[in-house]
Amino acid sequence: EVQVVESGGDLVQPGGSLRISCAASGFHFSSYCMGWFRQAPGKEREGVVKFFTGGGIENYADSVKGRFTISRDKDKKMVYLQMNSLKPADTAMYYCAAAPLNGRLCRLLESMEYTYWGPGTQVTVSS
């Protein structure tokens, strides 16, 4: 059974940093599309970063470019989202998602094309 589970959400002051994690299981880690998404109350879900677990170009949203960075631990089947220079506008529930590659360009997948979603982890940026 494919599962992705997020952790590490917290309350952070503006300008601070936080790393959230996604634990993946049930699939061949190096051959899937994965992504981080977020959704704030009253707003649509936004793609934060989309990538192929096997490497290659990572597609970051303009709103997080230069501040957020992903990393992978293939042995542990973990994906991390390092968030720096956090702003109140980054406050949201953050979700990890996965989808089989199936010959697609992972960096271009829309949220509806992701098959597996985690329950989310809350990130709040506030003083």
N, C-alpha and C. Protein backbone atom coordinates (compact mmCIF):
# COMPACT_ATOMS: atom_id res chain seq x y z
N GLU A 1 0.84 -1.19 0.00
CA GLU A 1 0.00 0.00 0.00
C GLU A 1 0.88 1.25 0.00
N VAL A 2 0.62 2.12 -0.96
CA VAL A 2 1.38 3.37 -1.05
C VAL A 2 0.91 4.33 0.02
N GLN A 3 1.86 4.89 0.75
CA GLN A 3 1.54 5.88 1.78
C GLN A 3 2.58 6.99 1.79
N VAL A 4 2.12 8.19 2.05
CA VAL A 4 3.01 9.31 2.31
C VAL A 4 2.47 10.00 3.55
N VAL A 5 3.36 10.32 4.48
CA VAL A 5 2.95 10.91 5.75
C VAL A 5 3.89 12.07 6.09
N GLU A 6 3.29 13.23 6.30
CA GLU A 6 4.06 14.41 6.62
C GLU A 6 4.26 14.56 8.13
N SER A 7 5.31 15.28 8.49
CA SER A 7 5.55 15.60 9.90
C SER A 7 6.43 16.83 9.99
N GLY A 8 6.47 17.42 11.19
CA GLY A 8 7.40 18.52 11.44
C GLY A 8 6.80 19.90 11.41
N GLY A 9 5.51 20.01 11.12
CA GLY A 9 4.89 21.33 11.13
C GLY A 9 4.95 21.97 12.50
N ASP A 10 5.00 23.31 12.52
CA ASP A 10 5.16 23.99 13.81
C ASP A 10 4.78 25.45 13.66
N LEU A 11 4.81 26.16 14.78
CA LEU A 11 4.65 27.61 14.81
C LEU A 11 6.04 28.23 14.74
N VAL A 12 6.24 29.12 13.78
CA VAL A 12 7.55 29.73 13.55
C VAL A 12 7.38 31.24 13.44
N GLN A 13 8.36 31.97 13.91
CA GLN A 13 8.31 33.42 13.78
C GLN A 13 8.68 33.85 12.37
N PRO A 14 8.17 34.97 11.90
CA PRO A 14 8.56 35.48 10.58
C PRO A 14 10.08 35.62 10.49
N GLY A 15 10.61 35.20 9.33
CA GLY A 15 12.04 35.21 9.14
C GLY A 15 12.73 33.95 9.57
N GLY A 16 12.00 33.08 10.25
CA GLY A 16 12.58 31.85 10.76
C GLY A 16 12.62 30.75 9.71
N SER A 17 13.11 29.59 10.15
CA SER A 17 13.25 28.43 9.28
C SER A 17 12.57 27.22 9.89
N LEU A 18 12.21 26.30 9.02
CA LEU A 18 11.58 25.07 9.47
C LEU A 18 11.81 24.02 8.40
N ARG A 19 12.01 22.78 8.83
CA ARG A 19 12.09 21.67 7.89
C ARG A 19 10.97 20.69 8.18
N ILE A 20 10.18 20.41 7.17
CA ILE A 20 9.14 19.41 7.30
C ILE A 20 9.52 18.18 6.48
N SER A 21 8.94 17.06 6.88
CA SER A 21 9.36 15.78 6.31
C SER A 21 8.19 15.02 5.72
N CYS A 22 8.49 14.16 4.77
CA CYS A 22 7.50 13.27 4.19
C CYS A 22 8.09 11.87 4.15
N ALA A 23 7.45 10.95 4.84
CA ALA A 23 7.88 9.55 4.84
C ALA A 23 7.06 8.79 3.81
N ALA A 24 7.74 8.16 2.87
CA ALA A 24 7.08 7.43 1.78
C ALA A 24 7.24 5.92 1.99
N SER A 25 6.24 5.17 1.60
CA SER A 25 6.33 3.72 1.69
C SER A 25 5.41 3.09 0.66
N GLY A 26 5.69 1.84 0.32
CA GLY A 26 4.83 1.09 -0.56
C GLY A 26 5.09 1.27 -2.05
N PHE A 27 6.14 1.99 -2.42
CA PHE A 27 6.46 2.14 -3.84
C PHE A 27 7.96 2.29 -4.02
N HIS A 28 8.39 2.08 -5.28
CA HIS A 28 9.80 2.20 -5.60
C HIS A 28 10.16 3.67 -5.58
N PHE A 29 10.90 4.05 -4.56
CA PHE A 29 11.09 5.47 -4.25
C PHE A 29 11.72 6.25 -5.40
N SER A 30 12.60 5.65 -6.16
CA SER A 30 13.35 6.40 -7.17
C SER A 30 12.64 6.53 -8.50
N SER A 31 11.40 6.14 -8.59
CA SER A 31 10.72 6.18 -9.89
C SER A 31 9.30 6.74 -9.78
N TYR A 32 9.11 7.71 -8.92
CA TYR A 32 7.80 8.32 -8.72
C TYR A 32 7.89 9.83 -8.87
N CYS A 33 6.77 10.42 -9.21
CA CYS A 33 6.61 11.87 -9.12
C CYS A 33 6.17 12.18 -7.70
N MET A 34 6.74 13.22 -7.14
CA MET A 34 6.29 13.68 -5.82
C MET A 34 6.19 15.19 -5.81
N GLY A 35 5.46 15.68 -4.84
CA GLY A 35 5.31 17.12 -4.75
C GLY A 35 4.93 17.54 -3.35
N TRP A 36 5.22 18.78 -3.04
CA TRP A 36 4.73 19.43 -1.84
C TRP A 36 3.68 20.46 -2.27
N PHE A 37 2.56 20.44 -1.59
CA PHE A 37 1.49 21.39 -1.83
C PHE A 37 1.12 22.04 -0.51
N ARG A 38 0.41 23.15 -0.61
CA ARG A 38 -0.08 23.79 0.61
C ARG A 38 -1.44 24.41 0.36
N GLN A 39 -2.19 24.52 1.43
CA GLN A 39 -3.50 25.15 1.33
C GLN A 39 -3.78 25.94 2.60
N ALA A 40 -4.04 27.21 2.40
CA ALA A 40 -4.40 28.09 3.51
C ALA A 40 -5.91 28.18 3.58
N PRO A 41 -6.47 28.51 4.74
CA PRO A 41 -7.92 28.63 4.87
C PRO A 41 -8.49 29.61 3.86
N GLY A 42 -9.52 29.17 3.15
CA GLY A 42 -10.18 30.04 2.19
C GLY A 42 -9.46 30.20 0.87
N LYS A 43 -8.36 29.49 0.69
CA LYS A 43 -7.60 29.61 -0.55
C LYS A 43 -7.50 28.25 -1.24
N GLU A 44 -7.20 28.30 -2.53
CA GLU A 44 -7.02 27.07 -3.29
C GLU A 44 -5.68 26.41 -2.95
N ARG A 45 -5.64 25.13 -3.17
CA ARG A 45 -4.38 24.41 -2.95
C ARG A 45 -3.34 24.89 -3.95
N GLU A 46 -2.13 25.09 -3.47
CA GLU A 46 -1.04 25.62 -4.29
C GLU A 46 0.11 24.63 -4.35
N GLY A 47 0.64 24.42 -5.52
CA GLY A 47 1.83 23.59 -5.65
C GLY A 47 3.05 24.35 -5.18
N VAL A 48 3.80 23.79 -4.26
CA VAL A 48 5.00 24.42 -3.73
C VAL A 48 6.22 23.97 -4.54
N VAL A 49 6.35 22.67 -4.73
CA VAL A 49 7.45 22.14 -5.54
C VAL A 49 7.04 20.78 -6.06
N LYS A 50 7.44 20.51 -7.30
CA LYS A 50 7.14 19.22 -7.94
C LYS A 50 8.45 18.67 -8.48
N PHE A 51 8.63 17.34 -8.37
CA PHE A 51 9.92 16.78 -8.76
C PHE A 51 9.81 15.29 -8.99
N PHE A 52 10.84 14.76 -9.66
CA PHE A 52 10.98 13.33 -9.87
C PHE A 52 11.92 12.80 -8.79
N THR A 53 11.51 11.74 -8.12
CA THR A 53 12.33 11.23 -7.03
C THR A 53 13.70 10.76 -7.49
N GLY A 54 13.81 10.40 -8.76
CA GLY A 54 15.09 9.93 -9.30
C GLY A 54 16.05 11.05 -9.65
N GLY A 55 15.62 12.31 -9.49
CA GLY A 55 16.51 13.43 -9.78
C GLY A 55 15.99 14.29 -10.90
N GLY A 56 16.78 15.30 -11.29
CA GLY A 56 16.37 16.16 -12.38
C GLY A 56 15.84 17.50 -11.90
N ILE A 57 15.18 18.19 -12.82
CA ILE A 57 14.71 19.56 -12.55
C ILE A 57 13.59 19.55 -11.52
N GLU A 58 13.69 20.46 -10.58
CA GLU A 58 12.66 20.65 -9.57
C GLU A 58 11.90 21.93 -9.90
N ASN A 59 10.60 21.88 -9.83
CA ASN A 59 9.77 23.01 -10.23
C ASN A 59 9.19 23.68 -8.99
N TYR A 60 9.77 24.82 -8.61
CA TYR A 60 9.31 25.55 -7.43
C TYR A 60 8.33 26.64 -7.84
N ALA A 61 7.35 26.86 -7.01
CA ALA A 61 6.45 28.00 -7.20
C ALA A 61 7.24 29.29 -7.05
N ASP A 62 6.86 30.31 -7.81
CA ASP A 62 7.56 31.60 -7.74
C ASP A 62 7.56 32.16 -6.32
N SER A 63 6.50 31.89 -5.59
CA SER A 63 6.35 32.45 -4.24
C SER A 63 7.37 31.88 -3.24
N VAL A 64 8.01 30.75 -3.59
CA VAL A 64 8.94 30.14 -2.65
C VAL A 64 10.36 30.01 -3.20
N LYS A 65 10.55 30.36 -4.45
CA LYS A 65 11.88 30.24 -5.07
C LYS A 65 12.92 31.01 -4.28
N GLY A 66 14.06 30.37 -4.05
CA GLY A 66 15.13 31.00 -3.30
C GLY A 66 14.98 30.88 -1.80
N ARG A 67 13.83 30.43 -1.33
CA ARG A 67 13.60 30.29 0.12
C ARG A 67 13.40 28.84 0.52
N PHE A 68 12.75 28.06 -0.33
CA PHE A 68 12.44 26.67 -0.02
C PHE A 68 13.31 25.75 -0.87
N THR A 69 13.72 24.64 -0.28
CA THR A 69 14.55 23.66 -0.99
C THR A 69 14.15 22.25 -0.56
N ILE A 70 14.06 21.35 -1.52
CA ILE A 70 13.78 19.97 -1.15
C ILE A 70 15.08 19.17 -1.10
N SER A 71 15.03 18.09 -0.37
CA SER A 71 16.11 17.11 -0.37
C SER A 71 15.49 15.73 -0.21
N ARG A 72 16.26 14.73 -0.59
CA ARG A 72 15.76 13.36 -0.56
C ARG A 72 16.75 12.47 0.17
N ASP A 73 16.23 11.47 0.88
CA ASP A 73 17.06 10.40 1.42
C ASP A 73 16.48 9.12 0.87
N LYS A 74 17.10 8.60 -0.18
CA LYS A 74 16.53 7.44 -0.86
C LYS A 74 16.55 6.20 0.01
N ASP A 75 17.58 6.07 0.84
CA ASP A 75 17.67 4.90 1.71
C ASP A 75 16.54 4.88 2.72
N LYS A 76 16.18 6.05 3.24
CA LYS A 76 15.13 6.14 4.24
C LYS A 76 13.76 6.38 3.61
N LYS A 77 13.74 6.61 2.30
CA LYS A 77 12.49 6.95 1.60
C LYS A 77 11.85 8.19 2.24
N MET A 78 12.66 9.20 2.39
CA MET A 78 12.20 10.45 3.00
C MET A 78 12.42 11.60 2.05
N VAL A 79 11.51 12.54 2.07
CA VAL A 79 11.65 13.80 1.35
C VAL A 79 11.49 14.92 2.36
N TYR A 80 12.34 15.92 2.25
CA TYR A 80 12.33 17.02 3.19
C TYR A 80 12.09 18.33 2.44
N LEU A 81 11.40 19.24 3.09
CA LEU A 81 11.21 20.58 2.56
C LEU A 81 11.81 21.56 3.56
N GLN A 82 12.94 22.14 3.20
CA GLN A 82 13.58 23.14 4.03
C GLN A 82 13.01 24.50 3.66
N MET A 83 12.46 25.18 4.65
CA MET A 83 11.81 26.47 4.42
C MET A 83 12.55 27.54 5.21
N ASN A 84 13.09 28.50 4.50
CA ASN A 84 13.83 29.60 5.13
C ASN A 84 13.12 30.92 4.87
N SER A 85 13.49 31.92 5.64
CA SER A 85 12.91 33.27 5.49
C SER A 85 11.39 33.20 5.43
N LEU A 86 10.82 32.50 6.36
CA LEU A 86 9.39 32.27 6.35
C LEU A 86 8.61 33.56 6.56
N LYS A 87 7.46 33.62 5.89
CA LYS A 87 6.58 34.79 5.95
C LYS A 87 5.21 34.35 6.45
N PRO A 88 4.45 35.27 7.00
CA PRO A 88 3.08 34.91 7.40
C PRO A 88 2.27 34.32 6.24
N ALA A 89 2.57 34.76 5.02
CA ALA A 89 1.86 34.23 3.85
C ALA A 89 2.17 32.76 3.59
N ASP A 90 3.19 32.22 4.24
CA ASP A 90 3.51 30.79 4.10
C ASP A 90 2.67 29.92 5.02
N THR A 91 1.88 30.54 5.89
CA THR A 91 1.03 29.79 6.80
C THR A 91 0.02 28.97 6.02
N ALA A 92 0.02 27.67 6.26
CA ALA A 92 -0.87 26.77 5.52
C ALA A 92 -0.71 25.36 6.05
N MET A 93 -1.63 24.50 5.62
CA MET A 93 -1.45 23.06 5.80
C MET A 93 -0.60 22.59 4.62
N TYR A 94 0.48 21.90 4.91
CA TYR A 94 1.37 21.42 3.87
C TYR A 94 1.16 19.92 3.65
N TYR A 95 1.04 19.56 2.37
CA TYR A 95 0.77 18.19 2.00
C TYR A 95 1.88 17.64 1.11
N CYS A 96 2.19 16.37 1.32
CA CYS A 96 3.08 15.63 0.44
C CYS A 96 2.21 14.75 -0.46
N ALA A 97 2.58 14.65 -1.72
CA ALA A 97 1.80 13.85 -2.66
C ALA A 97 2.73 13.05 -3.56
N ALA A 98 2.20 11.94 -4.08
CA ALA A 98 2.99 11.06 -4.94
C ALA A 98 2.13 10.53 -6.07
N ALA A 99 2.78 10.22 -7.18
CA ALA A 99 2.08 9.65 -8.33
C ALA A 99 3.05 8.81 -9.14
N PRO A 100 2.59 7.72 -9.73
CA PRO A 100 3.47 6.92 -10.59
C PRO A 100 3.97 7.76 -11.76
N LEU A 101 5.20 7.51 -12.18
CA LEU A 101 5.81 8.29 -13.25
C LEU A 101 5.02 8.16 -14.56
N ASN A 102 4.79 6.93 -15.02
CA ASN A 102 3.99 6.67 -16.23
C ASN A 102 4.40 7.54 -17.41
N GLY A 103 5.71 7.79 -17.55
CA GLY A 103 6.20 8.52 -18.70
C GLY A 103 5.94 10.01 -18.69
N ARG A 104 5.52 10.54 -17.57
CA ARG A 104 5.17 11.97 -17.52
C ARG A 104 6.35 12.81 -17.03
N LEU A 105 6.24 14.10 -17.23
CA LEU A 105 7.20 15.05 -16.67
C LEU A 105 6.69 15.47 -15.30
N CYS A 106 7.35 14.99 -14.26
CA CYS A 106 6.85 15.22 -12.90
C CYS A 106 6.69 16.70 -12.58
N ARG A 107 7.62 17.52 -13.10
CA ARG A 107 7.59 18.93 -12.73
C ARG A 107 6.37 19.65 -13.30
N LEU A 108 5.66 19.01 -14.22
CA LEU A 108 4.50 19.64 -14.85
C LEU A 108 3.16 19.07 -14.36
N LEU A 109 3.19 18.09 -13.47
CA LEU A 109 1.94 17.49 -13.02
C LEU A 109 1.07 18.48 -12.27
N GLU A 110 -0.22 18.43 -12.55
CA GLU A 110 -1.18 19.21 -11.80
C GLU A 110 -1.58 18.43 -10.54
N SER A 111 -2.11 19.13 -9.56
CA SER A 111 -2.43 18.49 -8.29
C SER A 111 -3.41 17.33 -8.47
N MET A 112 -4.33 17.46 -9.41
CA MET A 112 -5.33 16.41 -9.62
C MET A 112 -4.71 15.13 -10.17
N GLU A 113 -3.49 15.21 -10.67
CA GLU A 113 -2.83 14.04 -11.22
C GLU A 113 -2.06 13.23 -10.18
N TYR A 114 -1.97 13.75 -8.98
CA TYR A 114 -1.32 13.03 -7.91
C TYR A 114 -2.31 12.05 -7.29
N THR A 115 -1.86 10.81 -7.14
CA THR A 115 -2.74 9.74 -6.70
C THR A 115 -2.80 9.61 -5.18
N TYR A 116 -1.66 9.85 -4.55
CA TYR A 116 -1.54 9.56 -3.11
C TYR A 116 -1.21 10.84 -2.36
N TRP A 117 -1.94 11.07 -1.29
CA TRP A 117 -1.79 12.28 -0.49
C TRP A 117 -1.65 11.93 0.99
N GLY A 118 -0.83 12.70 1.68
CA GLY A 118 -0.73 12.55 3.11
C GLY A 118 -1.79 13.37 3.82
N PRO A 119 -1.91 13.22 5.15
CA PRO A 119 -2.91 13.95 5.92
C PRO A 119 -2.57 15.42 6.14
N GLY A 120 -1.30 15.79 5.90
CA GLY A 120 -0.90 17.18 6.05
C GLY A 120 -0.23 17.48 7.37
N THR A 121 0.54 18.56 7.38
CA THR A 121 1.17 19.05 8.60
C THR A 121 1.06 20.57 8.59
N GLN A 122 0.66 21.14 9.73
CA GLN A 122 0.36 22.58 9.80
C GLN A 122 1.62 23.39 10.04
N VAL A 123 1.82 24.39 9.19
CA VAL A 123 2.89 25.36 9.37
C VAL A 123 2.26 26.73 9.60
N THR A 124 2.58 27.33 10.71
CA THR A 124 2.05 28.65 11.05
C THR A 124 3.21 29.61 11.26
N VAL A 125 3.19 30.71 10.53
CA VAL A 125 4.24 31.72 10.66
C VAL A 125 3.61 32.96 11.26
N SER A 126 4.00 33.23 12.49
CA SER A 126 3.39 34.34 13.22
C SER A 126 4.28 34.74 14.37
N SER A 127 4.20 36.04 14.70
CA SER A 127 4.94 36.52 15.85
C SER A 127 4.06 36.52 17.10
